[in-house]
Amino acid sequence: MAKGYWIARIDVADAESYKAYVAAATPAYQKYGAKFLVRGGRCEAVEGPGRARNVVVEFESYDIALACYRSPEYQAAAEFRRKASMGEILVVEGA
């Protein structure tokens, strides 16, 4: 079965509030077996517009990745992220 991934591209406007999001989201990540492959770090937009923070999270399947995103635990945490940052999150199926 193909794995599922979140690909997030974020510009953080309020670092302190973003920390609250990370703390609040941790239970959902643990519940759904999230494995962070990329979490910030150096980046360079070599084609198209970029964002300052990029994250790739691996899940056992696409369905589990979607379930984590849609879970009440994550959606409660996402309210902190939406107030502290701008960006996009994609849920994709691996090859």
N, C-alpha and C. Protein backbone atom coordinates (compact mmCIF):
# COMPACT_ATOMS: atom_id res chain seq x y z
N MET A 1 0.85 -1.18 0.00
CA MET A 1 0.00 0.00 0.00
C MET A 1 0.89 1.24 0.00
N ALA A 2 0.53 2.22 -0.81
CA ALA A 2 1.29 3.46 -0.89
C ALA A 2 1.09 4.29 0.37
N LYS A 3 2.14 4.95 0.77
CA LYS A 3 2.07 5.83 1.94
C LYS A 3 1.37 7.13 1.57
N GLY A 4 0.94 7.85 2.59
CA GLY A 4 0.34 9.16 2.40
C GLY A 4 1.24 10.22 3.00
N TYR A 5 1.16 11.42 2.45
CA TYR A 5 2.03 12.51 2.90
C TYR A 5 1.26 13.81 3.01
N TRP A 6 1.64 14.61 3.97
CA TRP A 6 1.25 16.01 3.99
C TRP A 6 2.44 16.78 3.45
N ILE A 7 2.18 17.71 2.58
CA ILE A 7 3.18 18.67 2.13
C ILE A 7 2.64 20.05 2.52
N ALA A 8 3.35 20.69 3.42
CA ALA A 8 2.90 22.00 3.92
C ALA A 8 3.94 23.06 3.56
N ARG A 9 3.45 24.20 3.11
CA ARG A 9 4.29 25.35 2.79
C ARG A 9 3.73 26.51 3.58
N ILE A 10 4.52 27.06 4.50
CA ILE A 10 3.99 28.00 5.48
C ILE A 10 4.89 29.22 5.62
N ASP A 11 4.28 30.39 5.76
CA ASP A 11 4.96 31.62 6.19
C ASP A 11 4.39 31.95 7.56
N VAL A 12 5.23 31.89 8.58
CA VAL A 12 4.79 32.14 9.96
C VAL A 12 4.87 33.64 10.24
N ALA A 13 3.75 34.21 10.69
CA ALA A 13 3.69 35.63 11.04
C ALA A 13 3.87 35.85 12.54
N ASP A 14 3.46 34.87 13.35
CA ASP A 14 3.52 34.99 14.81
C ASP A 14 4.14 33.71 15.37
N ALA A 15 5.44 33.76 15.63
CA ALA A 15 6.18 32.57 16.05
C ALA A 15 5.68 32.01 17.38
N GLU A 16 5.30 32.84 18.31
CA GLU A 16 4.83 32.36 19.61
C GLU A 16 3.50 31.61 19.46
N SER A 17 2.59 32.14 18.70
CA SER A 17 1.32 31.45 18.47
C SER A 17 1.53 30.17 17.68
N TYR A 18 2.49 30.16 16.78
CA TYR A 18 2.78 28.95 16.00
C TYR A 18 3.27 27.84 16.91
N LYS A 19 4.02 28.19 17.95
CA LYS A 19 4.47 27.18 18.92
C LYS A 19 3.27 26.53 19.60
N ALA A 20 2.22 27.29 19.86
CA ALA A 20 1.00 26.74 20.45
C ALA A 20 0.35 25.73 19.50
N TYR A 21 0.39 26.02 18.21
CA TYR A 21 -0.14 25.09 17.20
C TYR A 21 0.65 23.78 17.24
N VAL A 22 1.96 23.87 17.23
CA VAL A 22 2.80 22.66 17.22
C VAL A 22 2.49 21.80 18.45
N ALA A 23 2.39 22.43 19.61
CA ALA A 23 2.09 21.68 20.84
C ALA A 23 0.70 21.06 20.78
N ALA A 24 -0.27 21.79 20.28
CA ALA A 24 -1.65 21.29 20.22
C ALA A 24 -1.81 20.18 19.18
N ALA A 25 -1.02 20.21 18.12
CA ALA A 25 -1.13 19.21 17.05
C ALA A 25 -0.44 17.89 17.40
N THR A 26 0.48 17.91 18.34
CA THR A 26 1.26 16.72 18.66
C THR A 26 0.41 15.50 18.98
N PRO A 27 -0.66 15.60 19.78
CA PRO A 27 -1.48 14.40 20.03
C PRO A 27 -2.06 13.77 18.76
N ALA A 28 -2.48 14.59 17.80
CA ALA A 28 -3.00 14.05 16.54
C ALA A 28 -1.88 13.35 15.77
N TYR A 29 -0.71 13.96 15.72
CA TYR A 29 0.42 13.32 15.03
C TYR A 29 0.74 11.97 15.65
N GLN A 30 0.75 11.90 16.96
CA GLN A 30 1.04 10.64 17.65
C GLN A 30 -0.05 9.61 17.38
N LYS A 31 -1.30 10.01 17.46
CA LYS A 31 -2.43 9.11 17.26
C LYS A 31 -2.41 8.46 15.87
N TYR A 32 -2.02 9.23 14.86
CA TYR A 32 -2.06 8.75 13.48
C TYR A 32 -0.69 8.31 12.94
N GLY A 33 0.31 8.22 13.80
CA GLY A 33 1.61 7.69 13.40
C GLY A 33 2.40 8.57 12.45
N ALA A 34 2.27 9.87 12.58
CA ALA A 34 2.99 10.81 11.70
C ALA A 34 4.49 10.69 11.89
N LYS A 35 5.20 10.72 10.77
CA LYS A 35 6.67 10.72 10.78
C LYS A 35 7.13 11.94 9.98
N PHE A 36 7.83 12.85 10.65
CA PHE A 36 8.28 14.06 9.98
C PHE A 36 9.54 13.78 9.18
N LEU A 37 9.46 14.00 7.88
CA LEU A 37 10.62 13.82 6.99
C LEU A 37 11.33 15.15 6.77
N VAL A 38 10.57 16.22 6.73
CA VAL A 38 11.09 17.58 6.57
C VAL A 38 10.31 18.45 7.55
N ARG A 39 11.03 19.25 8.33
CA ARG A 39 10.35 20.12 9.29
C ARG A 39 11.16 21.41 9.40
N GLY A 40 10.88 22.33 8.47
CA GLY A 40 11.65 23.57 8.44
C GLY A 40 12.99 23.32 7.75
N GLY A 41 14.01 23.99 8.22
CA GLY A 41 15.33 23.84 7.61
C GLY A 41 15.54 24.76 6.43
N ARG A 42 16.74 24.73 5.94
CA ARG A 42 17.10 25.59 4.81
C ARG A 42 16.34 25.21 3.56
N CYS A 43 16.00 26.22 2.77
CA CYS A 43 15.35 25.96 1.48
C CYS A 43 15.64 27.12 0.54
N GLU A 44 15.50 26.83 -0.72
CA GLU A 44 15.64 27.85 -1.76
C GLU A 44 14.60 27.57 -2.83
N ALA A 45 13.76 28.54 -3.11
CA ALA A 45 12.76 28.40 -4.17
C ALA A 45 13.48 28.59 -5.50
N VAL A 46 13.72 27.50 -6.20
CA VAL A 46 14.45 27.57 -7.45
C VAL A 46 13.52 27.74 -8.65
N GLU A 47 12.23 27.54 -8.43
CA GLU A 47 11.24 27.75 -9.48
C GLU A 47 9.91 28.09 -8.83
N GLY A 48 9.31 29.18 -9.20
CA GLY A 48 8.03 29.58 -8.62
C GLY A 48 8.20 30.20 -7.24
N PRO A 49 7.07 30.69 -6.70
CA PRO A 49 7.14 31.33 -5.38
C PRO A 49 7.38 30.29 -4.29
N GLY A 50 8.10 30.68 -3.28
CA GLY A 50 8.37 29.78 -2.17
C GLY A 50 7.75 30.29 -0.88
N ARG A 51 7.86 29.49 0.15
CA ARG A 51 7.44 29.86 1.49
C ARG A 51 8.64 29.63 2.40
N ALA A 52 8.65 30.30 3.54
CA ALA A 52 9.79 30.25 4.45
C ALA A 52 9.92 28.89 5.15
N ARG A 53 8.80 28.23 5.44
CA ARG A 53 8.83 26.97 6.19
C ARG A 53 8.15 25.89 5.35
N ASN A 54 8.81 24.76 5.20
CA ASN A 54 8.28 23.64 4.43
C ASN A 54 8.32 22.39 5.28
N VAL A 55 7.24 21.61 5.22
CA VAL A 55 7.13 20.42 6.06
C VAL A 55 6.59 19.27 5.21
N VAL A 56 7.20 18.08 5.38
CA VAL A 56 6.70 16.86 4.76
C VAL A 56 6.51 15.85 5.87
N VAL A 57 5.28 15.33 5.98
CA VAL A 57 4.93 14.37 7.02
C VAL A 57 4.46 13.09 6.35
N GLU A 58 5.00 11.96 6.79
CA GLU A 58 4.66 10.66 6.21
C GLU A 58 3.67 9.91 7.12
N PHE A 59 2.70 9.25 6.49
CA PHE A 59 1.73 8.41 7.18
C PHE A 59 1.71 7.04 6.50
N GLU A 60 1.18 6.05 7.16
CA GLU A 60 1.15 4.69 6.61
C GLU A 60 0.33 4.59 5.33
N SER A 61 -0.64 5.48 5.14
CA SER A 61 -1.45 5.45 3.93
C SER A 61 -2.06 6.83 3.67
N TYR A 62 -2.56 7.00 2.47
CA TYR A 62 -3.25 8.23 2.10
C TYR A 62 -4.47 8.44 2.98
N ASP A 63 -5.23 7.36 3.22
CA ASP A 63 -6.43 7.47 4.05
C ASP A 63 -6.11 7.90 5.47
N ILE A 64 -5.02 7.39 6.03
CA ILE A 64 -4.61 7.79 7.38
C ILE A 64 -4.17 9.25 7.39
N ALA A 65 -3.47 9.68 6.34
CA ALA A 65 -3.05 11.09 6.25
C ALA A 65 -4.27 12.00 6.24
N LEU A 66 -5.29 11.64 5.47
CA LEU A 66 -6.52 12.44 5.43
C LEU A 66 -7.25 12.38 6.77
N ALA A 67 -7.30 11.20 7.38
CA ALA A 67 -7.98 11.06 8.67
C ALA A 67 -7.33 11.94 9.73
N CYS A 68 -6.01 12.02 9.73
CA CYS A 68 -5.31 12.87 10.70
C CYS A 68 -5.69 14.33 10.46
N TYR A 69 -5.62 14.77 9.21
CA TYR A 69 -5.95 16.17 8.91
C TYR A 69 -7.39 16.50 9.31
N ARG A 70 -8.29 15.60 9.05
CA ARG A 70 -9.72 15.84 9.32
C ARG A 70 -10.12 15.58 10.77
N SER A 71 -9.22 15.02 11.56
CA SER A 71 -9.57 14.65 12.94
C SER A 71 -9.90 15.87 13.78
N PRO A 72 -10.77 15.70 14.77
CA PRO A 72 -11.09 16.80 15.68
C PRO A 72 -9.84 17.31 16.41
N GLU A 73 -8.93 16.40 16.73
CA GLU A 73 -7.70 16.81 17.42
C GLU A 73 -6.88 17.76 16.57
N TYR A 74 -6.69 17.40 15.28
CA TYR A 74 -5.88 18.26 14.43
C TYR A 74 -6.62 19.55 14.09
N GLN A 75 -7.90 19.48 13.81
CA GLN A 75 -8.63 20.68 13.43
C GLN A 75 -8.65 21.71 14.57
N ALA A 76 -8.69 21.25 15.81
CA ALA A 76 -8.61 22.18 16.94
C ALA A 76 -7.24 22.87 16.95
N ALA A 77 -6.20 22.11 16.69
CA ALA A 77 -4.84 22.68 16.64
C ALA A 77 -4.68 23.62 15.45
N ALA A 78 -5.29 23.27 14.33
CA ALA A 78 -5.15 24.05 13.11
C ALA A 78 -5.65 25.48 13.27
N GLU A 79 -6.58 25.71 14.20
CA GLU A 79 -7.04 27.07 14.46
C GLU A 79 -5.88 27.97 14.90
N PHE A 80 -4.96 27.44 15.70
CA PHE A 80 -3.76 28.20 16.09
C PHE A 80 -2.91 28.51 14.86
N ARG A 81 -2.72 27.49 13.98
CA ARG A 81 -1.89 27.69 12.79
C ARG A 81 -2.49 28.74 11.87
N ARG A 82 -3.78 28.69 11.69
CA ARG A 82 -4.44 29.64 10.78
C ARG A 82 -4.31 31.08 11.28
N LYS A 83 -4.28 31.27 12.59
CA LYS A 83 -4.12 32.62 13.15
C LYS A 83 -2.67 33.08 13.10
N ALA A 84 -1.72 32.16 13.11
CA ALA A 84 -0.30 32.51 13.22
C ALA A 84 0.44 32.49 11.89
N SER A 85 -0.18 31.97 10.82
CA SER A 85 0.56 31.79 9.57
C SER A 85 -0.35 31.79 8.36
N MET A 86 0.28 31.83 7.19
CA MET A 86 -0.40 31.69 5.90
C MET A 86 0.31 30.57 5.16
N GLY A 87 -0.46 29.78 4.42
CA GLY A 87 0.20 28.74 3.65
C GLY A 87 -0.78 27.74 3.06
N GLU A 88 -0.22 26.65 2.62
CA GLU A 88 -0.99 25.59 1.98
C GLU A 88 -0.57 24.24 2.58
N ILE A 89 -1.53 23.33 2.62
CA ILE A 89 -1.24 21.94 2.98
C ILE A 89 -1.89 21.07 1.92
N LEU A 90 -1.10 20.15 1.37
CA LEU A 90 -1.61 19.17 0.43
C LEU A 90 -1.51 17.79 1.08
N VAL A 91 -2.48 16.93 0.83
CA VAL A 91 -2.39 15.52 1.21
C VAL A 91 -2.23 14.76 -0.10
N VAL A 92 -1.14 13.99 -0.20
CA VAL A 92 -0.83 13.29 -1.45
C VAL A 92 -0.52 11.82 -1.17
N GLU A 93 -0.77 11.01 -2.19
CA GLU A 93 -0.44 9.59 -2.10
C GLU A 93 0.95 9.37 -2.67
N GLY A 94 1.74 8.56 -1.99
CA GLY A 94 3.11 8.28 -2.43
C GLY A 94 3.14 7.33 -3.62
N ALA A 95 4.31 7.25 -4.23
CA ALA A 95 4.50 6.38 -5.40
C ALA A 95 4.66 4.94 -4.96
